[in-house]
Amino acid sequence: MSKVIVLQAIDSPRRDTEWRIFMAAKLAERGISSIVGSRSAIRSIHARSKNCIFLGRLDTNTGRNIHDQKYVKEMEEKGTAFFFLHDEGALYYKGEYEEAVRRIYPEEYFESEAVKKVLFWGEAQRDIFKKSHYAEKFEISGSPRFDLCKPKFSKIDDLSVSNLKKKYGDFVLICGRFALVNMVADDPSALGKRSYDIRIEGGALKTKQKEEILRSMFGSWKKVSLEFSEFVPAIARLGLDFPDLNFVLRPHPAEKESFYKDAFGHFDNIFIDKSGDVRPFIRASKALVHSECTTGLEAELSHKPNINFRPCADHPVSRDFEVAGASDIGVIVKNYDELQETLSELITNDFNFLKSDYDASKLIFNSRENWASADFICSLIEDFSKGTEISSKIIPKYRSVSHLAYSIFIIFKDLTKKCLGIVGVERFKRIKISAGAGDLKFYQYTDEDIRALWTSLGSKDAELTMKDSLIYVDSSKSAMKSNS
């Protein structure tokens, strides 16, 4: 029997590592092996692959630069089956929602013979392409990341939750969403040329003039700046008004941790922690405070009360820049007095969870209690592999001089990005190489972290090994089949 290998590239390690390993475990239950790693590491593996399945998106957010175009051509040449699943597939500004979705779903690749399925988080994204000639490739899948938030998977976080409670006691989690004004060193500047170019790559000039694009960039920056200027003092007031309650402030993966450490380092009950995935923090907390953040949806799925602090809700700038899905979840408060009152009520009611009236399932399909995104996607991959009887192969490393040269180039390029960012020589000069891990988007899980997660998932169908910054999940079922 043939062996099937699924390649999974990680974009944001804090956000994506754990659900990627979860997917590898679920695929292993069906006799399918996986290789999980950074974009550059998976690209190097793909360069010496044959007939593999690729689950994810291309290397850049829009998937449209020359590097990505070559990637798709390479997939066609190597018999790769591309199951397109974007890791940022649903939550965008309401005023430019269609444009944002079209930007991240490169429609020009839909016709490629490599593309077998285009997986949408919800109906809202799929409906934007309802007139496409390739609709037979479309599936509404949801995102596996949100499966893990549901109570049925709470056991995987038991150890992490226990450790967090020992460290912080009873605490309220506060999540930042202000990367536009508090950005890490290794992400493009919100107002810089690279951010503008990303919109151009995504096709913005087809529907807008340059002036409109720039107005949108600066408009969204203005809204987030106003929110940030209200959010930070509100955190301080919470710390002062609730001296017997601990607060754990978690910056967004693309936010600098150092700003918050500097601002709140002299508070005895405010702690800054950007480690790992946010999900265990949500489960360990008594409640969540956020501002139009994805974590509000994750808290809702985890059955945790969440307060959505929206100080600019009635400001004219919010009209176009409310975040679809995240702006309506949780208990919405518009000023500090309402925030304080709502938190006081939660304390009085022992942090009782009341389900939000807002239904996010049109945007994120696995907001539905009876929907498991991971199972659905695994079934699609299993059905495809059985129907085509593909046999995946990885050619031994450095078999050719050209591959050795390519691998050295990729490794050098990846290290350069991690240390310096990706947006130009002038910006390289301004970035401090000595910046702490909390001021970078890049994050590295330890081998112990990975093995602990694997153990908590309870997979009995595969062996997990780690080598050269890659995670190999070799299904024992696949191994037995390939040896029979």
Protein backbone atom coordinates (compact mmCIF):
# COMPACT_ATOMS: atom_id res chain seq x y z
CA MET A 1 0.00 0.00 0.00
CA SER A 2 1.09 3.59 -0.61
CA LYS A 3 2.30 6.00 2.06
CA VAL A 4 0.84 9.50 2.23
CA ILE A 5 2.77 12.45 3.67
CA VAL A 6 1.17 15.80 4.48
CA LEU A 7 3.42 18.87 4.65
CA GLN A 8 2.37 21.62 7.07
CA ALA A 9 4.18 24.98 7.22
CA ILE A 10 3.96 27.15 10.34
CA ASP A 11 3.63 30.92 9.91
CA SER A 12 3.22 32.24 13.47
CA PRO A 13 4.66 29.68 15.93
CA ARG A 14 2.72 30.92 18.98
CA ARG A 15 -0.54 30.74 17.08
CA ASP A 16 -0.06 27.80 14.73
CA THR A 17 2.30 25.19 16.19
CA GLU A 18 -0.15 23.43 18.47
CA TRP A 19 -3.04 23.07 16.06
CA ARG A 20 -0.65 21.86 13.36
CA ILE A 21 0.54 19.08 15.66
CA PHE A 22 -3.09 18.38 16.52
CA MET A 23 -3.80 17.97 12.81
CA ALA A 24 -0.83 15.62 12.48
CA ALA A 25 -2.27 13.48 15.30
CA LYS A 26 -5.72 13.42 13.67
CA LEU A 27 -4.24 12.49 10.29
CA ALA A 28 -2.21 9.73 11.94
CA GLU A 29 -5.47 8.16 13.13
CA ARG A 30 -6.24 7.65 9.45
CA GLY A 31 -2.83 6.23 8.57
CA ILE A 32 -1.44 9.47 7.14
CA SER A 33 1.97 10.85 8.12
CA SER A 34 2.95 14.52 8.48
CA ILE A 35 5.98 16.80 8.46
CA VAL A 36 5.53 20.08 10.35
CA GLY A 37 7.96 22.97 10.35
CA SER A 38 8.73 26.56 9.47
CA ARG A 39 7.94 27.87 6.00
CA SER A 40 11.57 27.70 4.89
CA ALA A 41 12.11 24.22 6.33
CA ILE A 42 8.98 22.87 4.63
CA ARG A 43 9.94 24.59 1.38
CA SER A 44 13.28 22.79 1.51
CA ILE A 45 11.54 19.45 2.18
CA HIS A 46 9.10 20.11 -0.65
CA ALA A 47 11.98 20.75 -3.05
CA ARG A 48 12.93 17.07 -2.69
CA SER A 49 9.44 15.62 -2.45
CA LYS A 50 7.17 13.73 -4.79
CA ASN A 51 3.39 13.26 -4.59
CA CYS A 52 2.99 14.82 -1.15
CA ILE A 53 -0.05 16.70 0.13
CA PHE A 54 0.46 20.33 1.17
CA LEU A 55 -1.99 21.68 3.77
CA GLY A 56 -1.85 25.42 4.32
CA ARG A 57 -1.13 28.59 2.42
CA LEU A 58 1.87 29.80 0.44
CA ASP A 59 4.86 31.57 1.96
CA THR A 60 3.53 35.13 1.90
CA ASN A 61 0.19 36.29 3.24
CA THR A 62 -1.18 37.04 -0.24
CA GLY A 63 0.63 34.17 -1.99
CA ARG A 64 1.32 36.29 -5.04
CA ASN A 65 4.98 37.22 -5.16
CA ILE A 66 7.42 35.58 -7.57
CA HIS A 67 8.61 33.19 -4.86
CA ASP A 68 5.05 31.92 -4.38
CA GLN A 69 4.37 31.68 -8.10
CA LYS A 70 7.41 29.43 -8.43
CA TYR A 71 6.15 27.41 -5.45
CA VAL A 72 2.88 26.62 -7.23
CA LYS A 73 4.77 25.66 -10.40
CA GLU A 74 6.99 23.40 -8.31
CA MET A 75 3.88 21.78 -6.80
CA GLU A 76 2.59 21.03 -10.28
CA GLU A 77 5.91 19.51 -11.30
CA LYS A 78 6.25 17.36 -8.19
CA GLY A 79 2.69 16.05 -8.16
CA THR A 80 1.83 17.89 -4.94
CA ALA A 81 -1.84 17.97 -3.95
CA PHE A 82 -2.44 21.48 -2.57
CA PHE A 83 -5.21 21.84 0.03
CA PHE A 84 -5.31 25.62 0.47
CA LEU A 85 -6.10 26.63 4.06
CA HIS A 86 -5.19 30.14 5.20
CA ASP A 87 -4.18 30.65 8.82
CA GLU A 88 -5.82 34.12 8.89
CA GLY A 89 -8.99 33.32 7.05
CA ALA A 90 -11.94 35.23 8.53
CA LEU A 91 -11.53 38.28 10.77
CA TYR A 92 -11.16 41.48 8.76
CA TYR A 93 -12.49 45.02 8.80
CA LYS A 94 -16.16 45.16 7.87
CA GLY A 95 -15.67 48.10 5.51
CA GLU A 96 -13.20 46.23 3.32
CA TYR A 97 -14.12 42.62 4.00
CA GLU A 98 -14.40 41.43 0.41
CA GLU A 99 -11.14 43.11 -0.55
CA ALA A 100 -9.34 41.55 2.44
CA VAL A 101 -10.62 38.05 1.64
CA ARG A 102 -9.68 38.37 -2.03
CA ARG A 103 -6.25 39.55 -0.93
CA ILE A 104 -5.46 36.34 0.97
CA TYR A 105 -7.17 33.86 -1.39
CA PRO A 106 -5.16 34.03 -4.66
CA GLU A 107 -7.94 33.22 -7.11
CA GLU A 108 -5.51 33.02 -10.03
CA TYR A 109 -4.19 29.73 -8.61
CA PHE A 110 -7.59 28.05 -8.29
CA GLU A 111 -7.29 26.65 -11.81
CA SER A 112 -3.92 25.03 -11.09
CA GLU A 113 -3.92 21.25 -11.29
CA ALA A 114 -2.01 21.25 -7.99
CA VAL A 115 -4.92 22.92 -6.14
CA LYS A 116 -7.32 20.15 -5.10
CA LYS A 117 -9.35 22.00 -2.47
CA VAL A 118 -9.80 25.59 -1.34
CA LEU A 119 -10.85 25.53 2.31
CA PHE A 120 -12.81 28.48 3.69
CA TRP A 121 -13.35 29.25 7.35
CA GLY A 122 -17.01 30.06 6.70
CA GLU A 123 -19.74 30.86 4.21
CA ALA A 124 -18.91 34.57 4.29
CA GLN A 125 -15.57 33.99 2.55
CA ARG A 126 -16.76 31.33 0.14
CA ASP A 127 -19.68 33.47 -1.03
CA ILE A 128 -17.25 36.14 -2.23
CA PHE A 129 -16.11 33.65 -4.89
CA LYS A 130 -19.57 32.29 -5.71
CA LYS A 131 -19.16 33.16 -9.40
CA SER A 132 -15.84 31.33 -9.68
CA HIS A 133 -15.41 28.69 -12.38
CA TYR A 134 -13.66 26.47 -9.84
CA ALA A 135 -16.36 26.29 -7.19
CA GLU A 136 -16.23 22.49 -7.27
CA LYS A 137 -12.93 22.79 -5.40
CA PHE A 138 -14.46 24.88 -2.59
CA GLU A 139 -15.25 23.53 0.87
CA ILE A 140 -16.39 25.23 4.07
CA SER A 141 -14.11 23.70 6.67
CA GLY A 142 -13.72 26.10 9.56
CA SER A 143 -10.27 26.28 11.16
CA PRO A 144 -8.80 23.41 13.25
CA ARG A 145 -7.30 25.92 15.62
CA PHE A 146 -10.75 26.66 17.05
CA ASP A 147 -11.56 22.97 17.57
CA LEU A 148 -9.00 22.92 20.37
CA CYS A 149 -10.88 25.64 22.26
CA LYS A 150 -13.94 23.47 22.77
CA PRO A 151 -14.47 21.83 26.19
CA LYS A 152 -14.05 18.31 24.75
CA PHE A 153 -10.34 19.08 24.22
CA SER A 154 -9.73 20.84 27.55
CA LYS A 155 -7.66 17.89 28.83
CA ILE A 156 -4.77 18.74 26.52
CA ASP A 157 -4.20 21.91 28.53
CA ASP A 158 -4.51 20.43 32.02
CA LEU A 159 -0.80 20.65 32.83
CA SER A 160 -0.40 24.15 31.36
CA VAL A 161 -3.50 25.39 33.16
CA SER A 162 -2.28 23.96 36.46
CA ASN A 163 1.11 25.65 36.04
CA LEU A 164 -0.47 29.00 35.13
CA LYS A 165 -2.75 28.89 38.15
CA LYS A 166 0.20 28.11 40.41
CA LYS A 167 2.12 31.01 38.91
CA TYR A 168 -0.63 33.67 38.84
CA GLY A 169 -3.41 32.42 41.12
CA ASP A 170 -6.91 33.55 40.20
CA PHE A 171 -6.50 35.99 37.35
CA VAL A 172 -8.31 37.88 34.62
CA LEU A 173 -6.66 37.62 31.22
CA ILE A 174 -6.19 40.79 29.17
CA CYS A 175 -5.33 40.35 25.49
CA GLY A 176 -3.77 43.01 23.27
CA ARG A 177 -4.61 43.56 19.63
CA PHE A 178 -2.52 46.58 18.79
CA ALA A 179 0.23 45.42 16.48
CA LEU A 180 -0.39 48.34 14.13
CA VAL A 181 0.97 50.74 16.75
CA ASN A 182 3.10 48.42 18.91
CA MET A 183 4.61 46.16 16.28
CA VAL A 184 7.37 43.58 16.69
CA ALA A 185 10.69 44.03 14.92
CA ASP A 186 10.26 41.17 12.45
CA ASP A 187 6.92 42.23 10.91
CA PRO A 188 6.27 44.90 8.27
CA SER A 189 5.51 48.41 9.51
CA ALA A 190 1.76 49.14 9.42
CA LEU A 191 2.23 52.29 7.35
CA GLY A 192 5.34 51.29 5.44
CA LYS A 193 5.84 50.44 1.79
CA ARG A 194 5.75 46.68 2.38
CA SER A 195 2.26 46.93 3.88
CA TYR A 196 1.20 48.98 0.88
CA ASP A 197 2.78 46.45 -1.50
CA ILE A 198 0.91 43.59 0.21
CA ARG A 199 -2.36 45.30 -0.68
CA ILE A 200 -1.18 45.80 -4.25
CA GLU A 201 -0.14 42.14 -4.52
CA GLY A 202 -3.61 41.25 -3.28
CA GLY A 203 -5.24 43.14 -6.16
CA ALA A 204 -6.34 46.34 -4.38
CA LEU A 205 -5.56 48.49 -7.43
CA LYS A 206 -8.19 46.59 -9.41
CA THR A 207 -10.95 48.17 -7.32
CA LYS A 208 -9.31 51.22 -5.68
CA GLN A 209 -7.07 54.15 -6.50
CA LYS A 210 -3.77 54.59 -4.70
CA GLU A 211 -5.27 57.42 -2.63
CA GLU A 212 -8.05 55.13 -1.36
CA ILE A 213 -5.59 52.44 -0.36
CA LEU A 214 -3.50 54.92 1.61
CA ARG A 215 -6.59 56.39 3.28
CA SER A 216 -7.56 52.90 4.40
CA MET A 217 -4.09 52.16 5.78
CA PHE A 218 -3.95 55.39 7.76
CA GLY A 219 -7.62 55.14 8.77
CA SER A 220 -7.17 51.71 10.34
CA TRP A 221 -3.98 52.92 12.04
CA LYS A 222 -5.87 55.89 13.49
CA LYS A 223 -8.65 53.66 14.88
CA VAL A 224 -6.22 51.21 16.49
CA SER A 225 -4.16 54.12 17.87
CA LEU A 226 -7.24 55.64 19.51
CA GLU A 227 -8.19 52.26 20.99
CA PHE A 228 -4.65 51.71 22.24
CA SER A 229 -4.62 55.10 23.94
CA GLU A 230 -7.77 54.11 25.85
CA PHE A 231 -6.91 50.46 26.45
CA VAL A 232 -3.57 51.00 28.18
CA PRO A 233 -4.85 53.47 30.84
CA ALA A 234 -7.86 51.20 31.37
CA ILE A 235 -5.52 48.33 32.28
CA ALA A 236 -3.80 50.55 34.82
CA ARG A 237 -7.13 51.58 36.35
CA LEU A 238 -8.20 47.93 36.60
CA GLY A 239 -4.99 47.15 38.43
CA LEU A 240 -5.61 50.01 40.86
CA ASP A 241 -9.36 49.50 41.32
CA PHE A 242 -9.11 45.72 41.85
CA PRO A 243 -5.97 45.39 44.03
CA ASP A 244 -6.91 41.90 45.22
CA LEU A 245 -7.30 40.53 41.68
CA ASN A 246 -4.42 39.49 39.45
CA PHE A 247 -4.31 40.43 35.77
CA VAL A 248 -2.23 38.64 33.17
CA LEU A 249 -1.67 40.80 30.11
CA ARG A 250 -0.88 38.89 26.95
CA PRO A 251 0.35 40.90 23.95
CA HIS A 252 -0.69 39.84 20.45
CA PRO A 253 1.99 37.64 18.76
CA ALA A 254 2.83 40.62 16.52
CA GLU A 255 3.06 43.09 19.45
CA LYS A 256 6.12 44.11 21.42
CA GLU A 257 6.10 42.73 24.93
CA SER A 258 8.61 45.30 26.19
CA PHE A 259 6.14 48.19 25.97
CA TYR A 260 3.78 46.49 28.41
CA LYS A 261 6.58 45.36 30.72
CA ASP A 262 7.83 48.92 30.92
CA ALA A 263 4.35 50.40 31.43
CA PHE A 264 3.19 47.95 34.09
CA GLY A 265 6.43 46.76 35.66
CA HIS A 266 5.68 48.71 38.85
CA PHE A 267 2.24 47.11 39.38
CA ASP A 268 2.11 44.25 41.85
CA ASN A 269 -0.97 42.61 40.32
CA ILE A 270 -0.34 43.01 36.55
CA PHE A 271 1.85 40.37 34.88
CA ILE A 272 3.02 40.26 31.26
CA ASP A 273 3.29 36.85 29.60
CA LYS A 274 3.57 36.19 25.87
CA SER A 275 4.73 32.57 26.03
CA GLY A 276 3.19 29.75 23.97
CA ASP A 277 -0.38 29.65 22.70
CA VAL A 278 -3.13 31.80 24.20
CA ARG A 279 -5.57 28.91 24.66
CA PRO A 280 -4.20 27.59 28.02
CA PHE A 281 -4.23 31.16 29.36
CA ILE A 282 -7.92 31.48 28.48
CA ARG A 283 -8.71 28.18 30.20
CA ALA A 284 -6.70 29.10 33.30
CA SER A 285 -8.30 32.54 33.64
CA LYS A 286 -11.51 33.56 35.37
CA ALA A 287 -12.50 35.86 32.47
CA LEU A 288 -11.06 37.67 29.47
CA VAL A 289 -10.87 41.36 28.57
CA HIS A 290 -10.13 42.15 24.93
CA SER A 291 -10.83 44.72 22.23
CA GLU A 292 -12.30 43.20 19.05
CA CYS A 293 -9.84 40.33 19.30
CA THR A 294 -9.94 36.75 18.01
CA THR A 295 -9.37 35.67 21.61
CA GLY A 296 -12.96 36.74 22.33
CA LEU A 297 -14.17 33.99 19.99
CA GLU A 298 -11.74 31.52 21.53
CA ALA A 299 -13.01 32.43 25.00
CA GLU A 300 -16.60 31.97 23.84
CA LEU A 301 -15.80 28.50 22.52
CA SER A 302 -13.99 27.72 25.79
CA HIS A 303 -17.06 28.81 27.79
CA LYS A 304 -15.20 31.66 29.48
CA PRO A 305 -16.87 35.04 30.10
CA ASN A 306 -15.32 37.78 28.01
CA ILE A 307 -15.63 41.55 28.04
CA ASN A 308 -15.18 43.34 24.73
CA PHE A 309 -13.80 46.81 25.56
CA ARG A 310 -14.61 49.05 22.58
CA PRO A 311 -13.86 52.67 23.49
CA CYS A 312 -14.16 53.77 19.84
CA ALA A 313 -17.42 51.96 19.10
CA ASP A 314 -19.30 55.23 18.55
CA HIS A 315 -16.42 57.07 16.90
CA PRO A 316 -16.86 57.82 13.15
CA VAL A 317 -13.58 56.06 12.36
CA SER A 318 -15.04 52.75 13.57
CA ARG A 319 -17.64 52.60 10.83
CA ASP A 320 -15.31 50.97 8.28
CA PHE A 321 -12.78 49.45 10.65
CA GLU A 322 -14.83 47.29 12.99
CA VAL A 323 -13.48 43.73 12.95
CA ALA A 324 -16.08 41.36 11.53
CA GLY A 325 -16.83 38.64 14.05
CA ALA A 326 -14.66 40.00 16.83
CA SER A 327 -16.48 43.33 17.23
CA ASP A 328 -19.75 41.71 18.31
CA ILE A 329 -18.63 38.90 20.61
CA GLY A 330 -18.81 39.00 24.40
CA VAL A 331 -20.21 41.69 26.69
CA ILE A 332 -19.57 44.97 24.87
CA VAL A 333 -18.52 47.96 26.98
CA LYS A 334 -17.66 51.38 25.59
CA ASN A 335 -15.87 53.18 28.44
CA TYR A 336 -13.98 52.45 31.60
CA ASP A 337 -16.97 52.87 33.92
CA GLU A 338 -18.86 50.17 32.00
CA LEU A 339 -15.75 47.97 32.04
CA GLN A 340 -15.38 48.32 35.80
CA GLU A 341 -19.06 47.69 36.42
CA THR A 342 -19.14 44.59 34.20
CA LEU A 343 -16.05 43.09 35.84
CA SER A 344 -17.53 43.78 39.29
CA GLU A 345 -20.70 41.94 38.28
CA LEU A 346 -18.68 38.98 37.04
CA ILE A 347 -16.83 38.82 40.36
CA THR A 348 -20.14 38.97 42.26
CA ASN A 349 -21.58 36.17 40.11
CA ASP A 350 -18.46 34.01 40.52
CA PHE A 351 -17.51 34.57 36.86
CA ASN A 352 -20.53 32.73 35.53
CA PHE A 353 -20.40 32.18 31.76
CA LEU A 354 -23.36 33.32 29.69
CA LYS A 355 -23.25 32.48 26.01
CA SER A 356 -23.11 35.48 23.69
CA ASP A 357 -26.10 36.19 21.48
CA TYR A 358 -23.78 36.72 18.53
CA ASP A 359 -23.47 33.81 16.09
CA ALA A 360 -20.04 33.78 14.42
CA SER A 361 -20.58 30.57 12.44
CA LYS A 362 -21.01 32.35 9.10
CA LEU A 363 -17.42 33.53 9.49
CA ILE A 364 -15.96 30.59 11.43
CA PHE A 365 -17.97 27.46 10.73
CA ASN A 366 -16.66 25.49 13.67
CA SER A 367 -18.23 28.02 16.01
CA ARG A 368 -21.05 25.51 15.72
CA GLU A 369 -20.91 23.10 18.62
CA ASN A 370 -21.42 20.02 16.45
CA TRP A 371 -18.73 20.86 13.87
CA ALA A 372 -15.17 19.55 14.01
CA SER A 373 -12.98 21.25 11.44
CA ALA A 374 -10.03 18.89 11.90
CA ASP A 375 -12.16 15.78 11.29
CA PHE A 376 -13.70 17.31 8.17
CA ILE A 377 -10.35 18.29 6.65
CA CYS A 378 -8.80 14.92 7.52
CA SER A 379 -11.71 13.18 5.78
CA LEU A 380 -11.15 15.26 2.66
CA ILE A 381 -7.46 14.35 2.62
CA GLU A 382 -8.14 10.69 3.34
CA ASP A 383 -10.78 10.44 0.59
CA PHE A 384 -8.44 12.12 -1.88
CA SER A 385 -5.50 9.85 -1.02
CA LYS A 386 -7.64 6.73 -1.31
CA GLY A 387 -9.19 7.87 -4.55
CA THR A 388 -5.86 8.63 -6.22
CA GLU A 389 -3.71 6.02 -4.43
CA ILE A 390 -0.82 8.50 -4.29
CA SER A 391 2.54 7.39 -2.93
CA SER A 392 4.49 10.20 -1.26
CA LYS A 393 8.28 10.25 -1.22
CA ILE A 394 11.00 12.46 0.21
CA ILE A 395 14.34 12.23 -1.62
CA PRO A 396 17.34 11.84 0.74
CA LYS A 397 18.90 15.14 1.80
CA TYR A 398 21.62 16.78 -0.31
CA ARG A 399 21.46 14.23 -3.10
CA SER A 400 22.38 16.99 -5.52
CA VAL A 401 24.64 20.06 -5.41
CA SER A 402 21.71 22.25 -6.50
CA HIS A 403 19.62 21.18 -3.52
CA LEU A 404 22.52 21.78 -1.14
CA ALA A 405 22.96 25.29 -2.52
CA TYR A 406 19.22 25.94 -2.32
CA SER A 407 19.06 24.69 1.28
CA ILE A 408 21.97 26.93 2.33
CA PHE A 409 20.25 29.89 0.69
CA ILE A 410 16.94 29.16 2.45
CA ILE A 411 18.61 28.72 5.86
CA PHE A 412 20.51 31.99 5.45
CA LYS A 413 17.39 33.81 4.31
CA ASP A 414 15.32 32.45 7.22
CA LEU A 415 17.93 33.45 9.80
CA THR A 416 18.14 36.91 8.27
CA LYS A 417 14.38 37.36 8.54
CA LYS A 418 14.28 36.19 12.14
CA CYS A 419 17.05 38.57 13.17
CA LEU A 420 16.35 41.60 11.07
CA GLY A 421 12.78 41.59 9.77
CA ILE A 422 11.73 41.62 6.12
CA VAL A 423 11.08 45.17 5.07
CA GLY A 424 14.25 46.81 3.81
CA VAL A 425 17.85 47.76 4.59
CA GLU A 426 17.01 51.04 6.30
CA ARG A 427 14.75 49.22 8.75
CA PHE A 428 17.39 46.56 9.33
CA LYS A 429 19.65 49.28 10.72
CA ARG A 430 17.04 50.29 13.29
CA ILE A 431 16.26 46.83 14.65
CA LYS A 432 18.20 45.75 17.70
CA ILE A 433 19.45 42.22 17.29
CA SER A 434 19.49 41.90 21.06
CA ALA A 435 15.71 42.37 21.31
CA GLY A 436 14.07 39.85 23.61
CA ALA A 437 11.92 37.04 22.25
CA GLY A 438 8.82 38.94 23.37
CA ASP A 439 9.63 41.73 20.91
CA LEU A 440 9.73 39.33 17.96
CA LYS A 441 6.96 37.43 16.24
CA PHE A 442 9.33 34.48 15.95
CA TYR A 443 9.02 31.99 18.80
CA GLN A 444 10.54 28.57 19.40
CA TYR A 445 8.78 25.77 21.25
CA THR A 446 11.21 23.54 23.12
CA ASP A 447 11.38 19.83 22.36
CA GLU A 448 9.93 19.24 25.83
CA ASP A 449 6.95 21.47 25.00
CA ILE A 450 6.29 19.54 21.80
CA ARG A 451 6.51 16.15 23.50
CA ALA A 452 4.26 17.29 26.34
CA LEU A 453 1.64 18.44 23.83
CA TRP A 454 1.94 15.17 21.90
CA THR A 455 1.44 13.18 25.09
CA SER A 456 -1.60 15.25 26.04
CA LEU A 457 -3.14 14.59 22.62
CA GLY A 458 -2.95 10.89 23.44
CA SER A 459 -2.09 9.78 19.92
CA LYS A 460 -1.44 6.04 19.73
CA ASP A 461 -1.26 5.90 15.96
CA ALA A 462 2.06 7.57 15.29
CA GLU A 463 5.60 8.16 16.41
CA LEU A 464 6.77 11.76 16.77
CA THR A 465 10.42 12.64 16.14
CA MET A 466 12.18 16.00 15.84
CA LYS A 467 15.18 16.77 13.68
CA ASP A 468 16.60 19.87 11.95
CA SER A 469 13.77 22.11 13.26
CA LEU A 470 11.18 19.76 11.76
CA ILE A 471 8.55 17.62 13.45
CA TYR A 472 8.01 14.23 11.85
CA VAL A 473 4.84 12.32 12.65
CA ASP A 474 5.13 8.85 11.15
CA SER A 475 1.86 6.96 11.33
CA SER A 476 2.32 3.39 12.47
CA LYS A 477 -0.70 2.44 10.37
CA SER A 478 0.95 3.95 7.31
CA ALA A 479 4.20 2.22 8.15
CA MET A 480 2.49 -1.16 8.41
CA LYS A 481 0.65 -0.59 5.17
CA SER A 482 3.76 0.49 3.27
CA ASN A 483 5.64 -2.60 4.51
CA SER A 484 2.87 -5.06 3.62
